[in-house]
PDB file of N, CA and C in Angstrom:
ATOM      1  N   MET A   1     -98.856-248.489 114.747  1.00  0.00           N
ATOM      2  CA  MET A   1     -97.493-248.481 115.219  1.00  0.00           C
ATOM      3  C   MET A   1     -96.601-247.933 114.104  1.00  0.00           C
ATOM      4  N   LEU A   2     -95.667-247.092 114.462  1.00  0.00           N
ATOM      5  CA  LEU A   2     -94.729-246.511 113.519  1.00  0.00           C
ATOM      6  C   LEU A   2     -93.606-247.502 113.219  1.00  0.00           C
ATOM      7  N   ASP A   3     -93.337-247.733 111.930  1.00  0.00           N
ATOM      8  CA  ASP A   3     -92.247-248.622 111.545  1.00  0.00           C
ATOM      9  C   ASP A   3     -90.947-247.849 111.365  1.00  0.00           C
ATOM     10  N   HIS A   4     -91.010-246.714 110.653  1.00  0.00           N
ATOM     11  CA  HIS A   4     -89.805-245.913 110.466  1.00  0.00           C
ATOM     12  C   HIS A   4     -90.158-244.505 110.016  1.00  0.00           C
ATOM     13  N   ILE A   5     -89.180-243.622 110.130  1.00  0.00           N
ATOM     14  CA  ILE A   5     -89.301-242.249 109.677  1.00  0.00           C
ATOM     15  C   ILE A   5     -87.949-241.866 109.091  1.00  0.00           C
ATOM     16  N   ILE A   6     -87.973-241.079 108.007  1.00  0.00           N
ATOM     17  CA  ILE A   6     -86.752-240.544 107.412  1.00  0.00           C
ATOM     18  C   ILE A   6     -86.832-239.031 107.526  1.00  0.00           C
ATOM     19  N   LEU A   7     -85.846-238.454 108.167  1.00  0.00           N
ATOM     20  CA  LEU A   7     -85.807-237.020 108.409  1.00  0.00           C
ATOM     21  C   LEU A   7     -84.705-236.391 107.553  1.00  0.00           C
ATOM     22  N   THR A   8     -85.051-235.356 106.807  1.00  0.00           N
ATOM     23  CA  THR A   8     -84.069-234.642 105.989  1.00  0.00           C
ATOM     24  C   THR A   8     -83.378-233.587 106.839  1.00  0.00           C
ATOM     25  N   VAL A   9     -82.050-233.625 106.861  1.00  0.00           N
ATOM     26  CA  VAL A   9     -81.258-232.701 107.675  1.00  0.00           C
ATOM     27  C   VAL A   9     -80.296-231.915 106.788  1.00  0.00           C
ATOM     28  N   SER A  10     -79.894-230.734 107.248  1.00  0.00           N
ATOM     29  CA  SER A  10     -79.015-229.879 106.457  1.00  0.00           C
ATOM     30  C   SER A  10     -77.540-230.242 106.591  1.00  0.00           C
ATOM     31  N   ASP A  11     -77.161-230.866 107.691  1.00  0.00           N
ATOM     32  CA  ASP A  11     -75.762-231.202 107.950  1.00  0.00           C
ATOM     33  C   ASP A  11     -75.732-232.569 108.629  1.00  0.00           C
ATOM     34  N   THR A  12     -75.431-233.594 107.864  1.00  0.00           N
ATOM     35  CA  THR A  12     -75.486-234.967 108.368  1.00  0.00           C
ATOM     36  C   THR A  12     -74.588-235.175 109.580  1.00  0.00           C
ATOM     37  N   GLU A  13     -73.349-234.708 109.511  1.00  0.00           N
ATOM     38  CA  GLU A  13     -72.420-234.910 110.625  1.00  0.00           C
ATOM     39  C   GLU A  13     -72.926-234.253 111.903  1.00  0.00           C
ATOM     40  N   ARG A  14     -73.427-233.026 111.785  1.00  0.00           N
ATOM     41  CA  ARG A  14     -73.965-232.316 112.952  1.00  0.00           C
ATOM     42  C   ARG A  14     -75.162-233.082 113.525  1.00  0.00           C
ATOM     43  N   SER A  15     -76.052-233.537 112.654  1.00  0.00           N
ATOM     44  CA  SER A  15     -77.242-234.256 113.123  1.00  0.00           C
ATOM     45  C   SER A  15     -76.899-235.618 113.705  1.00  0.00           C
ATOM     46  N   LEU A  16     -75.925-236.316 113.119  1.00  0.00           N
ATOM     47  CA  LEU A  16     -75.485-237.584 113.708  1.00  0.00           C
ATOM     48  C   LEU A  16     -74.991-237.369 115.130  1.00  0.00           C
ATOM     49  N   SER A  17     -74.163-236.363 115.318  1.00  0.00           N
ATOM     50  CA  SER A  17     -73.635-236.056 116.649  1.00  0.00           C
ATOM     51  C   SER A  17     -74.757-235.690 117.615  1.00  0.00           C
ATOM     52  N   PHE A  18     -75.676-234.832 117.155  1.00  0.00           N
ATOM     53  CA  PHE A  18     -76.783-234.411 117.995  1.00  0.00           C
ATOM     54  C   PHE A  18     -77.662-235.599 118.403  1.00  0.00           C
ATOM     55  N   TYR A  19     -78.131-236.380 117.435  1.00  0.00           N
ATOM     56  CA  TYR A  19     -79.041-237.475 117.756  1.00  0.00           C
ATOM     57  C   TYR A  19     -78.368-238.592 118.542  1.00  0.00           C
ATOM     58  N   GLU A  20     -77.085-238.837 118.311  1.00  0.00           N
ATOM     59  CA  GLU A  20     -76.387-239.836 119.128  1.00  0.00           C
ATOM     60  C   GLU A  20     -76.420-239.432 120.597  1.00  0.00           C
ATOM     61  N   ALA A  21     -76.199-238.162 120.889  1.00  0.00           N
ATOM     62  CA  ALA A  21     -76.212-237.682 122.276  1.00  0.00           C
ATOM     63  C   ALA A  21     -77.630-237.592 122.834  1.00  0.00           C
ATOM     64  N   ALA A  22     -78.544-237.014 122.069  1.00  0.00           N
ATOM     65  CA  ALA A  22     -79.902-236.785 122.566  1.00  0.00           C
ATOM     66  C   ALA A  22     -80.685-238.075 122.784  1.00  0.00           C
ATOM     67  N   LEU A  23     -80.450-239.075 121.948  1.00  0.00           N
ATOM     68  CA  LEU A  23     -81.231-240.315 122.046  1.00  0.00           C
ATOM     69  C   LEU A  23     -80.578-241.382 122.918  1.00  0.00           C
ATOM     70  N   LYS A  24     -79.373-241.131 123.377  1.00  0.00           N
ATOM     71  CA  LYS A  24     -78.668-242.111 124.229  1.00  0.00           C
ATOM     72  C   LYS A  24     -79.483-242.518 125.463  1.00  0.00           C
ATOM     73  N   PRO A  25     -80.132-241.581 126.184  1.00  0.00           N
ATOM     74  CA  PRO A  25     -80.916-241.998 127.352  1.00  0.00           C
ATOM     75  C   PRO A  25     -82.080-242.944 127.012  1.00  0.00           C
ATOM     76  N   LEU A  26     -82.494-242.972 125.745  1.00  0.00           N
ATOM     77  CA  LEU A  26     -83.589-243.848 125.325  1.00  0.00           C
ATOM     78  C   LEU A  26     -83.065-245.172 124.767  1.00  0.00           C
ATOM     79  N   ASN A  27     -81.740-245.347 124.812  1.00  0.00           N
ATOM     80  CA  ASN A  27     -81.091-246.534 124.235  1.00  0.00           C
ATOM     81  C   ASN A  27     -81.349-246.653 122.736  1.00  0.00           C
ATOM     82  N   ILE A  28     -81.455-245.508 122.082  1.00  0.00           N
ATOM     83  CA  ILE A  28     -81.568-245.452 120.625  1.00  0.00           C
ATOM     84  C   ILE A  28     -80.213-244.970 120.132  1.00  0.00           C
ATOM     85  N   LYS A  29     -79.604-245.759 119.235  1.00  0.00           N
ATOM     86  CA  LYS A  29     -78.262-245.423 118.794  1.00  0.00           C
ATOM     87  C   LYS A  29     -78.121-245.538 117.280  1.00  0.00           C
ATOM     88  N   PHE A  30     -77.146-244.818 116.743  1.00  0.00           N
ATOM     89  CA  PHE A  30     -76.801-244.936 115.332  1.00  0.00           C
ATOM     90  C   PHE A  30     -76.030-246.227 115.140  1.00  0.00           C
ATOM     91  N   PHE A  31     -76.461-247.052 114.171  1.00  0.00           N
ATOM     92  CA  PHE A  31     -75.727-248.288 113.933  1.00  0.00           C
ATOM     93  C   PHE A  31     -75.834-248.773 112.489  1.00  0.00           C
ATOM     94  N   MET A  32     -76.616-248.100 111.650  1.00  0.00           N
ATOM     95  CA  MET A  32     -76.840-248.672 110.334  1.00  0.00           C
ATOM     96  C   MET A  32     -76.717-247.630 109.221  1.00  0.00           C
ATOM     97  N   PRO A  33     -75.510-247.452 108.686  1.00  0.00           N
ATOM     98  CA  PRO A  33     -75.392-246.597 107.511  1.00  0.00           C
ATOM     99  C   PRO A  33     -75.881-247.379 106.283  1.00  0.00           C
ATOM    100  N   TYR A  34     -76.560-246.678 105.398  1.00  0.00           N
ATOM    101  CA  TYR A  34     -77.059-247.303 104.173  1.00  0.00           C
ATOM    102  C   TYR A  34     -76.557-246.485 102.992  1.00  0.00           C
ATOM    103  N   LYS A  35     -75.778-247.102 102.146  1.00  0.00           N
ATOM    104  CA  LYS A  35     -75.253-246.433 100.963  1.00  0.00           C
ATOM    105  C   LYS A  35     -76.296-246.533  99.855  1.00  0.00           C
ATOM    106  N   GLY A  36     -76.864-245.396  99.486  1.00  0.00           N
ATOM    107  CA  GLY A  36     -77.906-245.376  98.467  1.00  0.00           C
ATOM    108  C   GLY A  36     -77.369-245.673  97.076  1.00  0.00           C
ATOM    109  N   GLU A  37     -78.200-246.281  96.271  1.00  0.00           N
ATOM    110  CA  GLU A  37     -77.861-246.595  94.887  1.00  0.00           C
ATOM    111  C   GLU A  37     -79.079-246.356  94.014  1.00  0.00           C
ATOM    112  N   ASP A  38     -78.841-246.164  92.719  1.00  0.00           N
ATOM    113  CA  ASP A  38     -79.924-246.023  91.739  1.00  0.00           C
ATOM    114  C   ASP A  38     -80.940-244.965  92.140  1.00  0.00           C
ATOM    115  N   GLY A  39     -80.449-243.804  92.560  1.00  0.00           N
ATOM    116  CA  GLY A  39     -81.337-242.700  92.916  1.00  0.00           C
ATOM    117  C   GLY A  39     -81.819-242.697  94.351  1.00  0.00           C
ATOM    118  N   HIS A  40     -81.561-243.740  95.108  1.00  0.00           N
ATOM    119  CA  HIS A  40     -81.950-243.781  96.521  1.00  0.00           C
ATOM    120  C   HIS A  40     -80.881-243.045  97.319  1.00  0.00           C
ATOM    121  N   PRO A  41     -81.259-242.156  98.243  1.00  0.00           N
ATOM    122  CA  PRO A  41     -80.244-241.398  98.994  1.00  0.00           C
ATOM    123  C   PRO A  41     -79.514-242.244 100.025  1.00  0.00           C
ATOM    124  N   ASP A  42     -78.317-241.775 100.385  1.00  0.00           N
ATOM    125  CA  ASP A  42     -77.623-242.360 101.530  1.00  0.00           C
ATOM    126  C   ASP A  42     -78.472-242.086 102.764  1.00  0.00           C
ATOM    127  N   LEU A  43     -78.518-243.055 103.685  1.00  0.00           N
ATOM    128  CA  LEU A  43     -79.287-242.922 104.916  1.00  0.00           C
ATOM    129  C   LEU A  43     -78.423-243.339 106.100  1.00  0.00           C
ATOM    130  N   TRP A  44     -78.741-242.768 107.257  1.00  0.00           N
ATOM    131  CA  TRP A  44     -78.080-243.132 108.507  1.00  0.00           C
ATOM    132  C   TRP A  44     -79.171-243.548 109.473  1.00  0.00           C
ATOM    133  N   GLY A  45     -79.136-244.827 109.913  1.00  0.00           N
ATOM    134  CA  GLY A  45     -80.218-245.390 110.713  1.00  0.00           C
ATOM    135  C   GLY A  45     -79.915-245.503 112.187  1.00  0.00           C
ATOM    136  N   PHE A  46     -80.911-245.134 112.985  1.00  0.00           N
ATOM    137  CA  PHE A  46     -80.859-245.244 114.439  1.00  0.00           C
ATOM    138  C   PHE A  46     -81.905-246.255 114.893  1.00  0.00           C
ATOM    139  N   GLY A  47     -81.598-246.964 115.959  1.00  0.00           N
ATOM    140  CA  GLY A  47     -82.558-247.908 116.521  1.00  0.00           C
ATOM    141  C   GLY A  47     -81.964-248.610 117.718  1.00  0.00           C
ATOM    142  N   ASP A  48     -82.395-249.850 117.901  1.00  0.00           N
ATOM    143  CA  ASP A  48     -81.994-250.615 119.080  1.00  0.00           C
ATOM    144  C   ASP A  48     -80.769-251.489 118.841  1.00  0.00           C
ATOM    145  N   GLY A  49     -80.148-251.380 117.679  1.00  0.00           N
ATOM    146  CA  GLY A  49     -78.990-252.200 117.353  1.00  0.00           C
ATOM    147  C   GLY A  49     -79.342-253.387 116.485  1.00  0.00           C
ATOM    148  N   GLU A  50     -80.629-253.710 116.416  1.00  0.00           N
ATOM    149  CA  GLU A  50     -81.106-254.800 115.566  1.00  0.00           C
ATOM    150  C   GLU A  50     -82.005-254.279 114.447  1.00  0.00           C
ATOM    151  N   ARG A  51     -82.789-253.253 114.762  1.00  0.00           N
ATOM    152  CA  ARG A  51     -83.735-252.708 113.799  1.00  0.00           C
ATOM    153  C   ARG A  51     -83.641-251.189 113.825  1.00  0.00           C
ATOM    154  N   ALA A  52     -83.466-250.617 112.649  1.00  0.00           N
ATOM    155  CA  ALA A  52     -83.442-249.156 112.543  1.00  0.00           C
ATOM    156  C   ALA A  52     -84.854-248.658 112.242  1.00  0.00           C
ATOM    157  N   PHE A  53     -85.260-247.609 112.941  1.00  0.00           N
ATOM    158  CA  PHE A  53     -86.596-247.051 112.714  1.00  0.00           C
ATOM    159  C   PHE A  53     -86.573-245.535 112.555  1.00  0.00           C
ATOM    160  N   PHE A  54     -85.444-244.914 112.856  1.00  0.00           N
ATOM    161  CA  PHE A  54     -85.294-243.465 112.713  1.00  0.00           C
ATOM    162  C   PHE A  54     -84.083-243.229 111.820  1.00  0.00           C
ATOM    163  N   TRP A  55     -84.319-242.627 110.671  1.00  0.00           N
ATOM    164  CA  TRP A  55     -83.279-242.430 109.669  1.00  0.00           C
ATOM    165  C   TRP A  55     -83.110-240.948 109.372  1.00  0.00           C
ATOM    166  N   ILE A  56     -81.876-240.551 109.052  1.00  0.00           N
ATOM    167  CA  ILE A  56     -81.650-239.193 108.574  1.00  0.00           C
ATOM    168  C   ILE A  56     -81.017-239.268 107.189  1.00  0.00           C
ATOM    169  N   LYS A  57     -81.263-238.217 106.402  1.00  0.00           N
ATOM    170  CA  LYS A  57     -80.643-238.090 105.087  1.00  0.00           C
ATOM    171  C   LYS A  57     -80.314-236.628 104.851  1.00  0.00           C
ATOM    172  N   GLN A  58     -79.325-236.390 104.013  1.00  0.00           N
ATOM    173  CA  GLN A  58     -78.889-235.041 103.671  1.00  0.00           C
ATOM    174  C   GLN A  58     -79.887-234.404 102.704  1.00  0.00           C
ATOM    175  N   GLY A  59     -80.189-233.125 102.917  1.00  0.00           N
ATOM    176  CA  GLY A  59     -81.072-232.414 102.007  1.00  0.00           C
ATOM    177  C   GLY A  59     -81.515-231.095 102.594  1.00  0.00           C
ATOM    178  N   LYS A  60     -82.636-230.606 102.102  1.00  0.00           N
ATOM    179  CA  LYS A  60     -83.183-229.342 102.589  1.00  0.00           C
ATOM    180  C   LYS A  60     -84.291-229.641 103.601  1.00  0.00           C
ATOM    181  N   PRO A  61     -84.088-229.301 104.873  1.00  0.00           N
ATOM    182  CA  PRO A  61     -85.086-229.579 105.910  1.00  0.00           C
ATOM    183  C   PRO A  61     -86.369-228.767 105.710  1.00  0.00           C
ATOM    184  N   ASN A  62     -87.450-229.309 106.225  1.00  0.00           N
ATOM    185  CA  ASN A  62     -88.730-228.609 106.249  1.00  0.00           C
ATOM    186  C   ASN A  62     -89.339-228.814 107.635  1.00  0.00           C
ATOM    187  N   PRO A  63     -88.876-228.057 108.648  1.00  0.00           N
ATOM    188  CA  PRO A  63     -89.303-228.274 110.028  1.00  0.00           C
ATOM    189  C   PRO A  63     -90.805-228.136 110.274  1.00  0.00           C
ATOM    190  N   ALA A  64     -91.499-227.367 109.468  1.00  0.00           N
ATOM    191  CA  ALA A  64     -92.943-227.209 109.680  1.00  0.00           C
ATOM    192  C   ALA A  64     -93.732-228.431 109.224  1.00  0.00           C
ATOM    193  N   ALA A  65     -93.085-229.330 108.491  1.00  0.00           N
ATOM    194  CA  ALA A  65     -93.805-230.442 107.872  1.00  0.00           C
ATOM    195  C   ALA A  65     -93.967-231.669 108.764  1.00  0.00           C
ATOM    196  N   ILE A  66     -93.256-231.725 109.888  1.00  0.00           N
ATOM    197  CA  ILE A  66     -93.283-232.973 110.655  1.00  0.00           C
ATOM    198  C   ILE A  66     -93.052-232.728 112.145  1.00  0.00           C
ATOM    199  N   HIS A  67     -93.650-233.571 112.942  1.00  0.00           N
ATOM    200  CA  HIS A  67     -93.407-233.649 114.380  1.00  0.00           C
ATOM    201  C   HIS A  67     -93.508-235.126 114.727  1.00  0.00           C
ATOM    202  N   TRP A  68     -92.663-235.606 115.608  1.00  0.00           N
ATOM    203  CA  TRP A  68     -92.723-237.000 116.015  1.00  0.00           C
ATOM    204  C   TRP A  68     -92.397-237.105 117.485  1.00  0.00           C
ATOM    205  N   GLY A  69     -92.693-238.265 118.047  1.00  0.00           N
ATOM    206  CA  GLY A  69     -92.403-238.518 119.450  1.00  0.00           C
ATOM    207  C   GLY A  69     -91.824-239.903 119.646  1.00  0.00           C
ATOM    208  N   PHE A  70     -90.817-239.988 120.508  1.00  0.00           N
ATOM    209  CA  PHE A  70     -90.260-241.271 120.915  1.00  0.00           C
ATOM    210  C   PHE A  70     -90.843-241.633 122.271  1.00  0.00           C
ATOM    211  N   MET A  71     -91.023-242.934 122.511  1.00  0.00           N
ATOM    212  CA  MET A  71     -91.555-243.400 123.790  1.00  0.00           C
ATOM    213  C   MET A  71     -90.442-243.532 124.826  1.00  0.00           C
ATOM    214  N   ALA A  72     -90.757-243.159 126.046  1.00  0.00           N
ATOM    215  CA  ALA A  72     -89.848-243.340 127.178  1.00  0.00           C
ATOM    216  C   ALA A  72     -90.424-244.392 128.112  1.00  0.00           C
ATOM    217  N   GLU A  73     -89.532-245.071 128.834  1.00  0.00           N
ATOM    218  CA  GLU A  73     -89.962-246.097 129.788  1.00  0.00           C
ATOM    219  C   GLU A  73     -90.623-245.504 131.026  1.00  0.00           C
ATOM    220  N   ASP A  74     -90.184-244.292 131.416  1.00  0.00           N
ATOM    221  CA  ASP A  74     -90.725-243.653 132.609  1.00  0.00           C
ATOM    222  C   ASP A  74     -90.445-242.152 132.537  1.00  0.00           C
ATOM    223  N   ASN A  75     -90.944-241.412 133.509  1.00  0.00           N
ATOM    224  CA  ASN A  75     -90.754-239.960 133.527  1.00  0.00           C
ATOM    225  C   ASN A  75     -89.282-239.575 133.650  1.00  0.00           C
ATOM    226  N   ASN A  76     -88.512-240.359 134.401  1.00  0.00           N
ATOM    227  CA  ASN A  76     -87.086-240.085 134.553  1.00  0.00           C
ATOM    228  C   ASN A  76     -86.371-240.139 133.201  1.00  0.00           C
ATOM    229  N   GLU A  77     -86.745-241.075 132.353  1.00  0.00           N
ATOM    230  CA  GLU A  77     -86.129-241.182 131.030  1.00  0.00           C
ATOM    231  C   GLU A  77     -86.459-239.952 130.179  1.00  0.00           C
ATOM    232  N   VAL A  78     -87.656-239.412 130.331  1.00  0.00           N
ATOM    233  CA  VAL A  78     -88.021-238.161 129.648  1.00  0.00           C
ATOM    234  C   VAL A  78     -87.082-237.049 130.122  1.00  0.00           C
ATOM    235  N   ASP A  79     -86.907-236.950 131.426  1.00  0.00           N
ATOM    236  CA  ASP A  79     -86.030-235.917 131.991  1.00  0.00           C
ATOM    237  C   ASP A  79     -84.585-236.074 131.505  1.00  0.00           C
ATOM    238  N   GLU A  80     -84.082-237.313 131.473  1.00  0.00           N
ATOM    239  CA  GLU A  80     -82.715-237.573 131.022  1.00  0.00           C
ATOM    240  C   GLU A  80     -82.555-237.223 129.542  1.00  0.00           C
ATOM    241  N   PHE A  81     -83.545-237.576 128.736  1.00  0.00           N
ATOM    242  CA  PHE A  81     -83.520-237.191 127.321  1.00  0.00           C
ATOM    243  C   PHE A  81     -83.407-235.679 127.193  1.00  0.00           C
ATOM    244  N   TYR A  82     -84.253-234.952 127.916  1.00  0.00           N
ATOM    245  CA  TYR A  82     -84.283-233.498 127.811  1.00  0.00           C
ATOM    246  C   TYR A  82     -82.912-232.900 128.154  1.00  0.00           C
ATOM    247  N   LYS A  83     -82.316-233.360 129.231  1.00  0.00           N
ATOM    248  CA  LYS A  83     -80.991-232.865 129.631  1.00  0.00           C
ATOM    249  C   LYS A  83     -79.950-233.162 128.556  1.00  0.00           C
ATOM    250  N   ALA A  84     -79.970-234.382 128.031  1.00  0.00           N
ATOM    251  CA  ALA A  84     -79.005-234.770 127.002  1.00  0.00           C
ATOM    252  C   ALA A  84     -79.214-233.962 125.722  1.00  0.00           C
ATOM    253  N   ALA A  85     -80.456-233.761 125.326  1.00  0.00           N
ATOM    254  CA  ALA A  85     -80.744-233.013 124.103  1.00  0.00           C
ATOM    255  C   ALA A  85     -80.308-231.551 124.233  1.00  0.00           C
ATOM    256  N   ILE A  86     -80.624-230.934 125.358  1.00  0.00           N
ATOM    257  CA  ILE A  86     -80.231-229.536 125.576  1.00  0.00           C
ATOM    258  C   ILE A  86     -78.703-229.425 125.599  1.00  0.00           C
ATOM    259  N   SER A  87     -78.036-230.364 126.258  1.00  0.00           N
ATOM    260  CA  SER A  87     -76.569-230.368 126.294  1.00  0.00           C
ATOM    261  C   SER A  87     -75.964-230.552 124.904  1.00  0.00           C
ATOM    262  N   ALA A  88     -76.692-231.271 124.025  1.00  0.00           N
ATOM    263  CA  ALA A  88     -76.202-231.531 122.673  1.00  0.00           C
ATOM    264  C   ALA A  88     -76.538-230.401 121.704  1.00  0.00           C
ATOM    265  N   GLY A  89     -77.239-229.362 122.189  1.00  0.00           N
ATOM    266  CA  GLY A  89     -77.515-228.212 121.344  1.00  0.00           C
ATOM    267  C   GLY A  89     -78.962-227.975 120.987  1.00  0.00           C
ATOM    268  N   ALA A  90     -79.875-228.764 121.534  1.00  0.00           N
ATOM    269  CA  ALA A  90     -81.303-228.541 121.261  1.00  0.00           C
ATOM    270  C   ALA A  90     -81.765-227.236 121.900  1.00  0.00           C
ATOM    271  N   ARG A  91     -82.821-226.683 121.348  1.00  0.00           N
ATOM    272  CA  ARG A  91     -83.495-225.543 121.968  1.00  0.00           C
ATOM    273  C   ARG A  91     -84.779-226.060 122.607  1.00  0.00           C
ATOM    274  N   ASP A  92     -85.094-225.513 123.759  1.00  0.00           N
ATOM    275  CA  ASP A  92     -86.305-225.906 124.482  1.00  0.00           C
ATOM    276  C   ASP A  92     -87.556-225.490 123.717  1.00  0.00           C
ATOM    277  N   ASN A  93     -88.521-226.391 123.651  1.00  0.00           N
ATOM    278  CA  ASN A  93     -89.850-226.059 123.156  1.00  0.00           C
ATOM    279  C   ASN A  93     -90.816-226.146 124.333  1.00  0.00           C
ATOM    280  N   ILE A  94     -90.839-227.307 124.996  1.00  0.00           N
ATOM    281  CA  ILE A  94     -91.654-227.491 126.200  1.00  0.00           C
ATOM    282  C   ILE A  94     -90.841-228.335 127.178  1.00  0.00           C
ATOM    283  N   SER A  95     -90.499-227.767 128.311  1.00  0.00           N
ATOM    284  CA  SER A  95     -89.724-228.474 129.324  1.00  0.00           C
ATOM    285  C   SER A  95     -90.490-229.696 129.822  1.00  0.00           C
ATOM    286  N   PRO A  96     -89.775-230.662 130.412  1.00  0.00           N
ATOM    287  CA  PRO A  96     -90.450-231.862 130.914  1.00  0.00           C
ATOM    288  C   PRO A  96     -91.542-231.511 131.917  1.00  0.00           C
ATOM    289  N   ARG A  97     -92.725-232.051 131.686  1.00  0.00           N
ATOM    290  CA  ARG A  97     -93.843-231.816 132.596  1.00  0.00           C
ATOM    291  C   ARG A  97     -95.007-232.721 132.223  1.00  0.00           C
ATOM    292  N   ALA A  98     -95.951-232.819 133.161  1.00  0.00           N
ATOM    293  CA  ALA A  98     -97.208-233.512 132.871  1.00  0.00           C
ATOM    294  C   ALA A  98     -97.993-232.659 131.882  1.00  0.00           C
ATOM    295  N   ARG A  99     -98.594-233.304 130.919  1.00  0.00           N
ATOM    296  CA  ARG A  99     -99.397-232.605 129.919  1.00  0.00           C
ATOM    297  C   ARG A  99    -100.847-233.044 130.070  1.00  0.00           C
ATOM    298  N   LEU A 100    -101.446-232.525 131.115  1.00  0.00           N
ATOM    299  CA  LEU A 100    -102.819-232.914 131.435  1.00  0.00           C
ATOM    300  C   LEU A 100    -103.816-232.434 130.398  1.00  0.00           C
ATOM    301  N   GLU A 101    -103.401-231.479 129.545  1.00  0.00           N
ATOM    302  CA  GLU A 101    -104.292-231.036 128.475  1.00  0.00           C
ATOM    303  C   GLU A 101    -104.555-232.153 127.465  1.00  0.00           C
ATOM    304  N   TYR A 102    -103.657-233.153 127.413  1.00  0.00           N
ATOM    305  CA  TYR A 102    -103.871-234.307 126.543  1.00  0.00           C
ATOM    306  C   TYR A 102    -104.685-235.371 127.273  1.00  0.00           C
ATOM    307  N   TYR A 103    -104.169-235.810 128.420  1.00  0.00           N
ATOM    308  CA  TYR A 103    -104.901-236.719 129.297  1.00  0.00           C
ATOM    309  C   TYR A 103    -104.034-237.032 130.511  1.00  0.00           C
ATOM    310  N   PRO A 104    -104.633-237.525 131.603  1.00  0.00           N
ATOM    311  CA  PRO A 104    -103.861-237.871 132.800  1.00  0.00           C
ATOM    312  C   PRO A 104    -102.808-238.933 132.466  1.00  0.00           C
ATOM    313  N   GLY A 105    -101.630-238.788 133.039  1.00  0.00           N
ATOM    314  CA  GLY A 105    -100.575-239.758 132.827  1.00  0.00           C
ATOM    315  C   GLY A 105     -99.679-239.471 131.637  1.00  0.00           C
ATOM    316  N   TYR A 106     -99.877-238.357 130.953  1.00  0.00           N
ATOM    317  CA  TYR A 106     -99.049-237.982 129.800  1.00  0.00           C
ATOM    318  C   TYR A 106     -97.951-237.052 130.316  1.00  0.00           C
ATOM    319  N   TYR A 107     -96.700-237.499 130.238  1.00  0.00           N
ATOM    320  CA  TYR A 107     -95.550-236.725 130.704  1.00  0.00           C
ATOM    321  C   TYR A 107     -94.566-236.654 129.553  1.00  0.00           C
ATOM    322  N   ALA A 108     -94.141-235.451 129.169  1.00  0.00           N
ATOM    323  CA  ALA A 108     -93.309-235.329 127.985  1.00  0.00           C
ATOM    324  C   ALA A 108     -92.415-234.101 128.040  1.00  0.00           C
ATOM    325  N   ALA A 109     -91.425-234.101 127.158  1.00  0.00           N
ATOM    326  CA  ALA A 109     -90.569-232.945 126.896  1.00  0.00           C
ATOM    327  C   ALA A 109     -90.482-232.804 125.382  1.00  0.00           C
ATOM    328  N   ASP A 110     -90.376-231.568 124.916  1.00  0.00           N
ATOM    329  CA  ASP A 110     -90.333-231.289 123.485  1.00  0.00           C
ATOM    330  C   ASP A 110     -89.188-230.318 123.224  1.00  0.00           C
ATOM    331  N   VAL A 111     -88.351-230.635 122.232  1.00  0.00           N
ATOM    332  CA  VAL A 111     -87.205-229.789 121.892  1.00  0.00           C
ATOM    333  C   VAL A 111     -87.174-229.531 120.390  1.00  0.00           C
ATOM    334  N   PHE A 112     -86.374-228.543 120.005  1.00  0.00           N
ATOM    335  CA  PHE A 112     -86.077-228.278 118.606  1.00  0.00           C
ATOM    336  C   PHE A 112     -84.675-228.790 118.320  1.00  0.00           C
ATOM    337  N   ASP A 113     -84.523-229.594 117.272  1.00  0.00           N
ATOM    338  CA  ASP A 113     -83.205-230.111 116.895  1.00  0.00           C
ATOM    339  C   ASP A 113     -82.413-229.034 116.148  1.00  0.00           C
ATOM    340  N   PRO A 114     -81.183-229.325 115.693  1.00  0.00           N
ATOM    341  CA  PRO A 114     -80.369-228.302 115.033  1.00  0.00           C
ATOM    342  C   PRO A 114     -80.992-227.680 113.781  1.00  0.00           C
ATOM    343  N   ASP A 115     -81.896-228.396 113.117  1.00  0.00           N
ATOM    344  CA  ASP A 115     -82.561-227.853 111.933  1.00  0.00           C
ATOM    345  C   ASP A 115     -83.892-227.191 112.255  1.00  0.00           C
ATOM    346  N   GLY A 116     -84.296-227.201 113.520  1.00  0.00           N
ATOM    347  CA  GLY A 116     -85.550-226.579 113.921  1.00  0.00           C
ATOM    348  C   GLY A 116     -86.741-227.512 113.957  1.00  0.00           C
ATOM    349  N   TYR A 117     -86.515-228.832 113.776  1.00  0.00           N
ATOM    350  CA  TYR A 117     -87.608-229.788 113.900  1.00  0.00           C
ATOM    351  C   TYR A 117     -88.013-229.904 115.365  1.00  0.00           C
ATOM    352  N   SER A 118     -89.316-229.949 115.607  1.00  0.00           N
ATOM    353  CA  SER A 118     -89.843-230.160 116.951  1.00  0.00           C
ATOM    354  C   SER A 118     -90.100-231.648 117.139  1.00  0.00           C
ATOM    355  N   PHE A 119     -89.534-232.205 118.200  1.00  0.00           N
ATOM    356  CA  PHE A 119     -89.875-233.594 118.522  1.00  0.00           C
ATOM    357  C   PHE A 119     -89.923-233.769 120.023  1.00  0.00           C
ATOM    358  N   GLU A 120     -90.693-234.748 120.439  1.00  0.00           N
ATOM    359  CA  GLU A 120     -90.875-234.967 121.869  1.00  0.00           C
ATOM    360  C   GLU A 120     -90.548-236.390 122.266  1.00  0.00           C
ATOM    361  N   VAL A 121     -90.326-236.540 123.554  1.00  0.00           N
ATOM    362  CA  VAL A 121     -90.201-237.848 124.175  1.00  0.00           C
ATOM    363  C   VAL A 121     -91.271-237.902 125.240  1.00  0.00           C
ATOM    364  N   VAL A 122     -92.039-238.990 125.225  1.00  0.00           N
ATOM    365  CA  VAL A 122     -93.227-239.059 126.071  1.00  0.00           C
ATOM    366  C   VAL A 122     -93.292-240.389 126.831  1.00  0.00           C
ATOM    367  N   HIS A 123     -93.756-240.287 128.068  1.00  0.00           N
ATOM    368  CA  HIS A 123     -94.112-241.468 128.851  1.00  0.00           C
ATOM    369  C   HIS A 123     -95.592-241.359 129.144  1.00  0.00           C
ATOM    370  N   LYS A 124     -96.311-242.419 128.823  1.00  0.00           N
ATOM    371  CA  LYS A 124     -97.755-242.454 129.047  1.00  0.00           C
ATOM    372  C   LYS A 124     -98.062-243.547 130.046  1.00  0.00           C
ATOM    373  N   ASN A 125     -98.701-243.130 131.152  1.00  0.00           N
ATOM    374  CA  ASN A 125     -99.118-244.109 132.169  1.00  0.00           C
ATOM    375  C   ASN A 125    -100.401-244.787 131.756  1.00  0.00           C
TER     376      ASN A 125
END
């Protein structure tokens, strides 16, 4: 199980706006700013309002270095995420569809964020 991820972004304000909109259908929201000290960077945390598990920090992105996926409750939530992400400025990588090449019951959408990171939202039956 994934506990957390820290993603380096080129423009914190742009990424905060993007992820707030794109992750809203998944009930993932920004709620935890962390002021770094003693060499630790400032972080902006997203999660369920009690626990942050997706963090962003300012720096030089490396989109080829990472891919991640968020879980959706159902196929409709995948579709809603995709619409919200595209409306917020994402570029399409793979439109929402069944991905039978992985296994039956795998339904996902994959987008590129403002820095070019590929990430997906998936519902697995």
